[in-house]
Amino acid sequence: MSSELTKARSQINKVGTLLKQAKPLPAVSALHEAIGAVLRTPLMKSEKEEFSKLITDAVLLLNGDRNLRKVYPLILDYTPGKEKELADTLVTLLGELQATAVEEAKDIMADMAQRIASGLAEGKGLLEEKRFEEAKQSLEKLAREFPRDADLRARIAELFISGELYEEAFSYLDEAINLSPDQIHHYNRIGIVLRKLHKYDIAERYFMRAVEFAKSDPNLYFNLGRVYLDWQRWDKAEKASRLALRLSPSFVEAHKLLNFVLKKQGKEPEPIS
């Protein structure tokens, strides 16, 4: 038996397992692909009999599946030798299942968005009422519900920033960066938080990580310069502001930063172009 037919047999045998896992779409897809292989391959009599039996059993499983019946109430019909007709019917069934899957995905996404919005609103309300411990617990629970959502962690961090809970904001921004290290705005926000906490050396390290992803972002160097400004590292602040201006010569705030640190070093300010 060819490798293609071996694979086809394996696919048909997976139909029952996939249905037990409530996965009708992969189950139908597996049977459709297997029938395609059978149709493409010249079969000996014994192979025809074997695959007719396998396909018959798979069709019976599909017809008896409650999840599938909800989407496609028609009974699948199969007669040995009529594999092409069954394949055509399965194409129609796959279209129905895919459309249903899209709608279900939309519903799931809408539910998730609503849950996130409600959770953030609850946390915001608790913070505004100065019920900080309750807010922390509520927002932590929300974050655990969506363990891979970097944007959610950034939004939670913003709430903590507004409540001046910078340690908590730092923790969530750190998680956001680890989940999405290429999102530069997270670095800028964590830099602000670390400046508030006077953890300038840590802020510097985060900005150095950000440079890997955004070497040509003038705002990145400007915000790094703000860190150096608060840290009173005038020479480094000068260098960072010059890098920002090299990338964006009309960056007025970077010019102001440069002239401020030049003055601090006893140097002549430079005219703003």
C-alpha atoms as a PDB file:
ATOM      1  CA  MET A   1       0.000   0.000   0.000  1.00  0.00           C
ATOM      2  CA  SER A   2       1.317   3.433  -0.940  1.00  0.00           C
ATOM      3  CA  SER A   3       2.240   6.027   1.654  1.00  0.00           C
ATOM      4  CA  GLU A   4      -0.693   8.176   0.469  1.00  0.00           C
ATOM      5  CA  LEU A   5      -3.150   5.369   1.149  1.00  0.00           C
ATOM      6  CA  THR A   6      -1.531   4.698   4.517  1.00  0.00           C
ATOM      7  CA  LYS A   7      -2.055   8.348   5.391  1.00  0.00           C
ATOM      8  CA  ALA A   8      -5.653   8.175   4.113  1.00  0.00           C
ATOM      9  CA  ARG A   9      -6.391   5.196   6.352  1.00  0.00           C
ATOM     10  CA  SER A  10      -4.933   7.071   9.326  1.00  0.00           C
ATOM     11  CA  GLN A  11      -7.073  10.133   8.548  1.00  0.00           C
ATOM     12  CA  ILE A  12     -10.271   8.102   8.374  1.00  0.00           C
ATOM     13  CA  ASN A  13      -9.431   6.378  11.634  1.00  0.00           C
ATOM     14  CA  LYS A  14      -9.095   9.813  13.281  1.00  0.00           C
ATOM     15  CA  VAL A  15     -12.689  10.765  12.490  1.00  0.00           C
ATOM     16  CA  GLY A  16     -14.147   9.087  15.575  1.00  0.00           C
ATOM     17  CA  THR A  17     -11.497  10.516  17.884  1.00  0.00           C
ATOM     18  CA  LEU A  18     -12.003  14.036  16.560  1.00  0.00           C
ATOM     19  CA  LEU A  19     -15.763  13.784  16.977  1.00  0.00           C
ATOM     20  CA  LYS A  20     -15.327  12.648  20.587  1.00  0.00           C
ATOM     21  CA  GLN A  21     -13.216  15.773  21.092  1.00  0.00           C
ATOM     22  CA  ALA A  22     -16.115  17.879  19.718  1.00  0.00           C
ATOM     23  CA  LYS A  23     -14.095  18.780  16.614  1.00  0.00           C
ATOM     24  CA  PRO A  24     -16.471  18.143  13.699  1.00  0.00           C
ATOM     25  CA  LEU A  25     -14.644  20.443  11.277  1.00  0.00           C
ATOM     26  CA  PRO A  26     -11.285  18.606  11.490  1.00  0.00           C
ATOM     27  CA  ALA A  27     -13.173  15.276  11.388  1.00  0.00           C
ATOM     28  CA  VAL A  28     -14.971  16.123   8.134  1.00  0.00           C
ATOM     29  CA  SER A  29     -11.795  17.606   6.684  1.00  0.00           C
ATOM     30  CA  ALA A  30      -9.857  14.420   7.479  1.00  0.00           C
ATOM     31  CA  LEU A  31     -12.447  12.251   5.733  1.00  0.00           C
ATOM     32  CA  HIS A  32     -12.557  14.578   2.719  1.00  0.00           C
ATOM     33  CA  GLU A  33      -8.776  14.517   2.328  1.00  0.00           C
ATOM     34  CA  ALA A  34      -8.705  10.734   2.694  1.00  0.00           C
ATOM     35  CA  ILE A  35     -11.359  10.268   0.002  1.00  0.00           C
ATOM     36  CA  GLY A  36      -9.325  12.543  -2.265  1.00  0.00           C
ATOM     37  CA  ALA A  37      -6.335  10.246  -1.845  1.00  0.00           C
ATOM     38  CA  VAL A  38      -8.497   7.182  -2.561  1.00  0.00           C
ATOM     39  CA  LEU A  39      -9.850   8.784  -5.735  1.00  0.00           C
ATOM     40  CA  ARG A  40      -6.346   9.647  -6.951  1.00  0.00           C
ATOM     41  CA  THR A  41      -4.910   6.177  -6.379  1.00  0.00           C
ATOM     42  CA  PRO A  42      -5.604   3.006  -8.414  1.00  0.00           C
ATOM     43  CA  LEU A  43      -6.818   0.417  -5.897  1.00  0.00           C
ATOM     44  CA  MET A  44      -6.720  -3.339  -5.826  1.00  0.00           C
ATOM     45  CA  LYS A  45      -9.955  -5.136  -5.024  1.00  0.00           C
ATOM     46  CA  SER A  46      -8.972  -5.760  -1.418  1.00  0.00           C
ATOM     47  CA  GLU A  47      -8.042  -2.095  -0.962  1.00  0.00           C
ATOM     48  CA  LYS A  48     -11.350  -0.950  -2.444  1.00  0.00           C
ATOM     49  CA  GLU A  49     -13.219  -3.180  -0.026  1.00  0.00           C
ATOM     50  CA  GLU A  50     -11.143  -1.986   2.924  1.00  0.00           C
ATOM     51  CA  PHE A  51     -11.634   1.712   2.171  1.00  0.00           C
ATOM     52  CA  SER A  52     -15.323   1.267   1.400  1.00  0.00           C
ATOM     53  CA  LYS A  53     -15.739  -0.241   4.874  1.00  0.00           C
ATOM     54  CA  LEU A  54     -13.639   2.513   6.510  1.00  0.00           C
ATOM     55  CA  ILE A  55     -15.568   5.272   4.730  1.00  0.00           C
ATOM     56  CA  THR A  56     -18.926   3.666   5.562  1.00  0.00           C
ATOM     57  CA  ASP A  57     -17.995   3.525   9.247  1.00  0.00           C
ATOM     58  CA  ALA A  58     -16.776   7.133   9.201  1.00  0.00           C
ATOM     59  CA  VAL A  59     -19.987   8.346   7.557  1.00  0.00           C
ATOM     60  CA  LEU A  60     -22.039   6.533  10.206  1.00  0.00           C
ATOM     61  CA  LEU A  61     -20.038   8.307  12.902  1.00  0.00           C
ATOM     62  CA  LEU A  62     -20.605  11.675  11.250  1.00  0.00           C
ATOM     63  CA  ASN A  63     -24.316  11.043  10.849  1.00  0.00           C
ATOM     64  CA  GLY A  64     -24.562  10.137  14.530  1.00  0.00           C
ATOM     65  CA  ASP A  65     -22.694  13.177  15.837  1.00  0.00           C
ATOM     66  CA  ARG A  66     -24.937  15.669  17.658  1.00  0.00           C
ATOM     67  CA  ASN A  67     -22.608  18.626  17.162  1.00  0.00           C
ATOM     68  CA  LEU A  68     -22.523  18.021  13.430  1.00  0.00           C
ATOM     69  CA  ARG A  69     -26.288  17.611  13.202  1.00  0.00           C
ATOM     70  CA  LYS A  70     -26.782  21.063  14.740  1.00  0.00           C
ATOM     71  CA  VAL A  71     -24.880  22.609  11.839  1.00  0.00           C
ATOM     72  CA  TYR A  72     -25.873  20.227   9.042  1.00  0.00           C
ATOM     73  CA  PRO A  73     -29.117  18.355   9.732  1.00  0.00           C
ATOM     74  CA  LEU A  74     -29.071  16.406   6.428  1.00  0.00           C
ATOM     75  CA  ILE A  75     -27.941  12.786   6.539  1.00  0.00           C
ATOM     76  CA  LEU A  76     -24.797  11.992   4.560  1.00  0.00           C
ATOM     77  CA  ASP A  77     -25.360   9.329   1.946  1.00  0.00           C
ATOM     78  CA  TYR A  78     -22.624   6.953   0.838  1.00  0.00           C
ATOM     79  CA  THR A  79     -22.626   3.968  -1.471  1.00  0.00           C
ATOM     80  CA  PRO A  80     -19.343   2.150  -2.239  1.00  0.00           C
ATOM     81  CA  GLY A  81     -18.099   3.335  -5.595  1.00  0.00           C
ATOM     82  CA  LYS A  82     -19.714   6.748  -5.117  1.00  0.00           C
ATOM     83  CA  GLU A  83     -16.769   8.354  -3.351  1.00  0.00           C
ATOM     84  CA  LYS A  84     -16.750  11.357  -5.708  1.00  0.00           C
ATOM     85  CA  GLU A  85     -20.356  12.194  -4.844  1.00  0.00           C
ATOM     86  CA  LEU A  86     -19.591  11.913  -1.137  1.00  0.00           C
ATOM     87  CA  ALA A  87     -16.538  14.153  -1.547  1.00  0.00           C
ATOM     88  CA  ASP A  88     -18.697  16.811  -3.218  1.00  0.00           C
ATOM     89  CA  THR A  89     -21.186  16.650  -0.343  1.00  0.00           C
ATOM     90  CA  LEU A  90     -18.351  16.960   2.169  1.00  0.00           C
ATOM     91  CA  VAL A  91     -17.186  20.150   0.440  1.00  0.00           C
ATOM     92  CA  THR A  92     -20.624  21.653   1.087  1.00  0.00           C
ATOM     93  CA  LEU A  93     -20.541  20.426   4.670  1.00  0.00           C
ATOM     94  CA  LEU A  94     -17.075  21.918   5.193  1.00  0.00           C
ATOM     95  CA  GLY A  95     -18.361  25.280   3.971  1.00  0.00           C
ATOM     96  CA  GLU A  96     -21.187  25.159   6.523  1.00  0.00           C
ATOM     97  CA  LEU A  97     -18.820  24.189   9.318  1.00  0.00           C
ATOM     98  CA  GLN A  98     -16.306  26.903   8.435  1.00  0.00           C
ATOM     99  CA  ALA A  99     -19.022  29.567   8.366  1.00  0.00           C
ATOM    100  CA  THR A 100     -20.254  28.381  11.737  1.00  0.00           C
ATOM    101  CA  ALA A 101     -16.709  28.379  13.117  1.00  0.00           C
ATOM    102  CA  VAL A 102     -16.230  31.988  11.991  1.00  0.00           C
ATOM    103  CA  GLU A 103     -19.452  33.065  13.700  1.00  0.00           C
ATOM    104  CA  GLU A 104     -18.543  31.175  16.863  1.00  0.00           C
ATOM    105  CA  ALA A 105     -15.116  32.812  16.846  1.00  0.00           C
ATOM    106  CA  LYS A 106     -16.744  36.228  16.495  1.00  0.00           C
ATOM    107  CA  ASP A 107     -19.012  35.463  19.448  1.00  0.00           C
ATOM    108  CA  ILE A 108     -16.063  34.296  21.532  1.00  0.00           C
ATOM    109  CA  MET A 109     -14.105  37.441  20.654  1.00  0.00           C
ATOM    110  CA  ALA A 110     -17.080  39.627  21.517  1.00  0.00           C
ATOM    111  CA  ASP A 111     -17.498  37.851  24.853  1.00  0.00           C
ATOM    112  CA  MET A 112     -13.797  38.265  25.598  1.00  0.00           C
ATOM    113  CA  ALA A 113     -13.905  41.964  24.716  1.00  0.00           C
ATOM    114  CA  GLN A 114     -16.930  42.457  26.956  1.00  0.00           C
ATOM    115  CA  ARG A 115     -15.290  40.577  29.824  1.00  0.00           C
ATOM    116  CA  ILE A 116     -12.124  42.655  29.489  1.00  0.00           C
ATOM    117  CA  ALA A 117     -14.056  45.927  29.302  1.00  0.00           C
ATOM    118  CA  SER A 118     -16.122  45.024  32.365  1.00  0.00           C
ATOM    119  CA  GLY A 119     -13.058  43.877  34.297  1.00  0.00           C
ATOM    120  CA  LEU A 120     -11.117  47.041  33.515  1.00  0.00           C
ATOM    121  CA  ALA A 121     -14.087  49.213  34.449  1.00  0.00           C
ATOM    122  CA  GLU A 122     -14.413  47.385  37.764  1.00  0.00           C
ATOM    123  CA  GLY A 123     -10.711  47.819  38.492  1.00  0.00           C
ATOM    124  CA  LYS A 124     -10.842  51.490  37.546  1.00  0.00           C
ATOM    125  CA  GLY A 125     -13.792  52.066  39.862  1.00  0.00           C
ATOM    126  CA  LEU A 126     -12.053  50.369  42.777  1.00  0.00           C
ATOM    127  CA  LEU A 127      -8.908  52.433  42.222  1.00  0.00           C
ATOM    128  CA  GLU A 128     -10.916  55.654  42.108  1.00  0.00           C
ATOM    129  CA  GLU A 129     -12.500  54.660  45.429  1.00  0.00           C
ATOM    130  CA  LYS A 130      -8.991  54.042  46.852  1.00  0.00           C
ATOM    131  CA  ARG A 131      -9.843  50.372  47.426  1.00  0.00           C
ATOM    132  CA  PHE A 132      -6.390  49.414  46.252  1.00  0.00           C
ATOM    133  CA  GLU A 133      -6.151  45.825  47.506  1.00  0.00           C
ATOM    134  CA  GLU A 134      -9.507  44.937  45.979  1.00  0.00           C
ATOM    135  CA  ALA A 135      -8.464  46.577  42.721  1.00  0.00           C
ATOM    136  CA  LYS A 136      -5.224  44.602  42.652  1.00  0.00           C
ATOM    137  CA  GLN A 137      -7.057  41.325  43.238  1.00  0.00           C
ATOM    138  CA  SER A 138      -9.722  42.088  40.640  1.00  0.00           C
ATOM    139  CA  LEU A 139      -7.239  43.096  37.935  1.00  0.00           C
ATOM    140  CA  GLU A 140      -4.916  40.199  38.727  1.00  0.00           C
ATOM    141  CA  LYS A 141      -7.828  37.783  38.268  1.00  0.00           C
ATOM    142  CA  LEU A 142      -8.670  39.438  34.933  1.00  0.00           C
ATOM    143  CA  ALA A 143      -5.071  39.110  33.739  1.00  0.00           C
ATOM    144  CA  ARG A 144      -5.027  35.413  34.662  1.00  0.00           C
ATOM    145  CA  GLU A 145      -8.073  34.849  32.460  1.00  0.00           C
ATOM    146  CA  PHE A 146      -6.102  36.047  29.430  1.00  0.00           C
ATOM    147  CA  PRO A 147      -2.518  34.898  30.068  1.00  0.00           C
ATOM    148  CA  ARG A 148      -1.197  35.767  26.582  1.00  0.00           C
ATOM    149  CA  ASP A 149      -2.787  39.207  26.200  1.00  0.00           C
ATOM    150  CA  ALA A 150      -0.008  41.803  26.239  1.00  0.00           C
ATOM    151  CA  ASP A 151      -2.352  44.701  25.440  1.00  0.00           C
ATOM    152  CA  LEU A 152      -4.537  43.861  28.437  1.00  0.00           C
ATOM    153  CA  ARG A 153      -1.519  44.011  30.728  1.00  0.00           C
ATOM    154  CA  ALA A 154      -0.571  47.389  29.319  1.00  0.00           C
ATOM    155  CA  ARG A 155      -4.106  48.658  29.905  1.00  0.00           C
ATOM    156  CA  ILE A 156      -4.052  47.381  33.476  1.00  0.00           C
ATOM    157  CA  ALA A 157      -0.718  49.134  33.942  1.00  0.00           C
ATOM    158  CA  GLU A 158      -2.268  52.398  32.743  1.00  0.00           C
ATOM    159  CA  LEU A 159      -4.902  52.093  35.460  1.00  0.00           C
ATOM    160  CA  PHE A 160      -2.226  51.618  38.089  1.00  0.00           C
ATOM    161  CA  ILE A 161      -0.277  54.581  36.706  1.00  0.00           C
ATOM    162  CA  SER A 162      -3.386  56.742  37.040  1.00  0.00           C
ATOM    163  CA  GLY A 163      -3.665  55.554  40.642  1.00  0.00           C
ATOM    164  CA  GLU A 164       0.062  56.261  41.192  1.00  0.00           C
ATOM    165  CA  LEU A 165       0.709  52.596  41.983  1.00  0.00           C
ATOM    166  CA  TYR A 166       3.913  52.465  40.017  1.00  0.00           C
ATOM    167  CA  GLU A 167       5.300  49.179  41.321  1.00  0.00           C
ATOM    168  CA  GLU A 168       2.169  47.389  40.162  1.00  0.00           C
ATOM    169  CA  ALA A 169       2.259  49.227  36.836  1.00  0.00           C
ATOM    170  CA  PHE A 170       5.861  48.165  36.333  1.00  0.00           C
ATOM    171  CA  SER A 171       4.992  44.507  36.961  1.00  0.00           C
ATOM    172  CA  TYR A 172       2.263  44.465  34.305  1.00  0.00           C
ATOM    173  CA  LEU A 173       4.303  46.397  31.767  1.00  0.00           C
ATOM    174  CA  ASP A 174       7.173  43.982  32.270  1.00  0.00           C
ATOM    175  CA  GLU A 175       4.804  41.114  31.468  1.00  0.00           C
ATOM    176  CA  ALA A 176       3.517  42.979  28.414  1.00  0.00           C
ATOM    177  CA  ILE A 177       7.044  43.465  27.118  1.00  0.00           C
ATOM    178  CA  ASN A 178       7.923  39.813  27.634  1.00  0.00           C
ATOM    179  CA  LEU A 179       4.813  38.804  25.693  1.00  0.00           C
ATOM    180  CA  SER A 180       5.318  41.381  22.909  1.00  0.00           C
ATOM    181  CA  PRO A 181       8.935  42.560  22.955  1.00  0.00           C
ATOM    182  CA  ASP A 182       8.537  44.453  19.673  1.00  0.00           C
ATOM    183  CA  GLN A 183       5.849  46.849  20.958  1.00  0.00           C
ATOM    184  CA  ILE A 184       7.849  50.016  21.493  1.00  0.00           C
ATOM    185  CA  HIS A 185       5.122  51.992  23.283  1.00  0.00           C
ATOM    186  CA  HIS A 186       5.357  49.526  26.190  1.00  0.00           C
ATOM    187  CA  TYR A 187       9.015  50.500  26.688  1.00  0.00           C
ATOM    188  CA  ASN A 188       8.146  54.184  26.702  1.00  0.00           C
ATOM    189  CA  ARG A 189       5.488  53.611  29.356  1.00  0.00           C
ATOM    190  CA  ILE A 190       7.720  51.441  31.518  1.00  0.00           C
ATOM    191  CA  GLY A 191      10.399  54.111  31.248  1.00  0.00           C
ATOM    192  CA  ILE A 192       7.954  56.663  32.682  1.00  0.00           C
ATOM    193  CA  VAL A 193       7.041  54.288  35.505  1.00  0.00           C
ATOM    194  CA  LEU A 194      10.664  53.570  36.376  1.00  0.00           C
ATOM    195  CA  ARG A 195      11.456  57.288  36.364  1.00  0.00           C
ATOM    196  CA  LYS A 196       8.680  57.758  38.922  1.00  0.00           C
ATOM    197  CA  LEU A 197      10.242  54.975  40.986  1.00  0.00           C
ATOM    198  CA  HIS A 198      13.723  56.517  40.544  1.00  0.00           C
ATOM    199  CA  LYS A 199      14.963  53.221  39.120  1.00  0.00           C
ATOM    200  CA  TYR A 200      16.948  54.851  36.376  1.00  0.00           C
ATOM    201  CA  ASP A 201      19.412  52.039  35.788  1.00  0.00           C
ATOM    202  CA  ILE A 202      16.569  49.574  35.183  1.00  0.00           C
ATOM    203  CA  ALA A 203      14.833  52.035  32.855  1.00  0.00           C
ATOM    204  CA  GLU A 204      18.068  52.373  30.898  1.00  0.00           C
ATOM    205  CA  ARG A 205      18.238  48.596  30.439  1.00  0.00           C
ATOM    206  CA  TYR A 206      14.691  48.455  29.117  1.00  0.00           C
ATOM    207  CA  PHE A 207      15.404  51.206  26.600  1.00  0.00           C
ATOM    208  CA  MET A 208      18.513  49.357  25.469  1.00  0.00           C
ATOM    209  CA  ARG A 209      16.284  46.340  24.790  1.00  0.00           C
ATOM    210  CA  ALA A 210      13.877  48.540  22.844  1.00  0.00           C
ATOM    211  CA  VAL A 211      16.666  49.792  20.579  1.00  0.00           C
ATOM    212  CA  GLU A 212      16.879  46.269  19.137  1.00  0.00           C
ATOM    213  CA  PHE A 213      13.408  46.764  17.666  1.00  0.00           C
ATOM    214  CA  ALA A 214      13.281  50.505  16.937  1.00  0.00           C
ATOM    215  CA  LYS A 215      16.683  51.966  16.202  1.00  0.00           C
ATOM    216  CA  SER A 216      15.096  54.676  14.055  1.00  0.00           C
ATOM    217  CA  ASP A 217      12.437  55.863  16.538  1.00  0.00           C
ATOM    218  CA  PRO A 218      13.310  59.403  17.737  1.00  0.00           C
ATOM    219  CA  ASN A 219      10.783  59.206  20.581  1.00  0.00           C
ATOM    220  CA  LEU A 220      12.637  56.252  22.015  1.00  0.00           C
ATOM    221  CA  TYR A 221      15.868  58.241  22.343  1.00  0.00           C
ATOM    222  CA  PHE A 222      14.013  61.281  23.627  1.00  0.00           C
ATOM    223  CA  ASN A 223      12.396  59.249  26.408  1.00  0.00           C
ATOM    224  CA  LEU A 224      15.751  57.697  27.214  1.00  0.00           C
ATOM    225  CA  GLY A 225      17.096  61.227  27.432  1.00  0.00           C
ATOM    226  CA  ARG A 226      14.358  62.068  29.948  1.00  0.00           C
ATOM    227  CA  VAL A 227      15.549  59.174  32.086  1.00  0.00           C
ATOM    228  CA  TYR A 228      19.105  60.507  31.973  1.00  0.00           C
ATOM    229  CA  LEU A 229      17.793  63.985  32.770  1.00  0.00           C
ATOM    230  CA  ASP A 230      16.122  62.804  35.972  1.00  0.00           C
ATOM    231  CA  TRP A 231      19.205  60.703  36.712  1.00  0.00           C
ATOM    232  CA  GLN A 232      21.347  63.810  36.215  1.00  0.00           C
ATOM    233  CA  ARG A 233      23.542  62.035  33.702  1.00  0.00           C
ATOM    234  CA  TRP A 234      23.963  65.150  31.596  1.00  0.00           C
ATOM    235  CA  ASP A 235      26.415  63.707  29.073  1.00  0.00           C
ATOM    236  CA  LYS A 236      24.206  60.712  28.366  1.00  0.00           C
ATOM    237  CA  ALA A 237      21.127  62.925  28.145  1.00  0.00           C
ATOM    238  CA  GLU A 238      22.959  65.057  25.571  1.00  0.00           C
ATOM    239  CA  LYS A 239      23.860  62.004  23.521  1.00  0.00           C
ATOM    240  CA  ALA A 240      20.306  60.631  23.607  1.00  0.00           C
ATOM    241  CA  SER A 241      18.752  63.956  22.601  1.00  0.00           C
ATOM    242  CA  ARG A 242      21.229  64.328  19.738  1.00  0.00           C
ATOM    243  CA  LEU A 243      20.286  60.850  18.502  1.00  0.00           C
ATOM    244  CA  ALA A 244      16.619  61.852  18.589  1.00  0.00           C
ATOM    245  CA  LEU A 245      17.394  65.023  16.617  1.00  0.00           C
ATOM    246  CA  ARG A 246      19.506  63.169  14.096  1.00  0.00           C
ATOM    247  CA  LEU A 247      16.443  61.059  13.311  1.00  0.00           C
ATOM    248  CA  SER A 248      14.005  63.979  13.522  1.00  0.00           C
ATOM    249  CA  PRO A 249      15.690  67.402  13.145  1.00  0.00           C
ATOM    250  CA  SER A 250      12.427  69.282  13.805  1.00  0.00           C
ATOM    251  CA  PHE A 251      11.776  67.495  17.125  1.00  0.00           C
ATOM    252  CA  VAL A 252      11.218  70.602  19.277  1.00  0.00           C
ATOM    253  CA  GLU A 253      11.065  68.845  22.647  1.00  0.00           C
ATOM    254  CA  ALA A 254      14.322  67.057  21.899  1.00  0.00           C
ATOM    255  CA  HIS A 255      15.908  70.468  21.110  1.00  0.00           C
ATOM    256  CA  LYS A 256      14.690  71.788  24.447  1.00  0.00           C
ATOM    257  CA  LEU A 257      16.091  68.752  26.226  1.00  0.00           C
ATOM    258  CA  LEU A 258      19.422  69.144  24.454  1.00  0.00           C
ATOM    259  CA  ASN A 259      19.744  72.830  25.332  1.00  0.00           C
ATOM    260  CA  PHE A 260      18.792  72.172  28.941  1.00  0.00           C
ATOM    261  CA  VAL A 261      21.506  69.538  29.410  1.00  0.00           C
ATOM    262  CA  LEU A 262      24.024  71.662  27.494  1.00  0.00           C
ATOM    263  CA  LYS A 263      23.376  74.462  29.969  1.00  0.00           C
ATOM    264  CA  LYS A 264      23.821  72.032  32.841  1.00  0.00           C
ATOM    265  CA  GLN A 265      27.241  71.138  31.457  1.00  0.00           C
ATOM    266  CA  GLY A 266      28.229  74.778  30.972  1.00  0.00           C
ATOM    267  CA  LYS A 267      27.989  74.544  27.201  1.00  0.00           C
ATOM    268  CA  GLU A 268      26.417  76.949  24.750  1.00  0.00           C
ATOM    269  CA  PRO A 269      22.809  76.144  23.726  1.00  0.00           C
ATOM    270  CA  GLU A 270      22.136  75.400  20.095  1.00  0.00           C
ATOM    271  CA  PRO A 271      19.506  77.319  18.047  1.00  0.00           C
ATOM    272  CA  ILE A 272      16.292  75.491  17.296  1.00  0.00           C
ATOM    273  CA  SER A 273      15.930  75.095  13.543  1.00  0.00           C
END
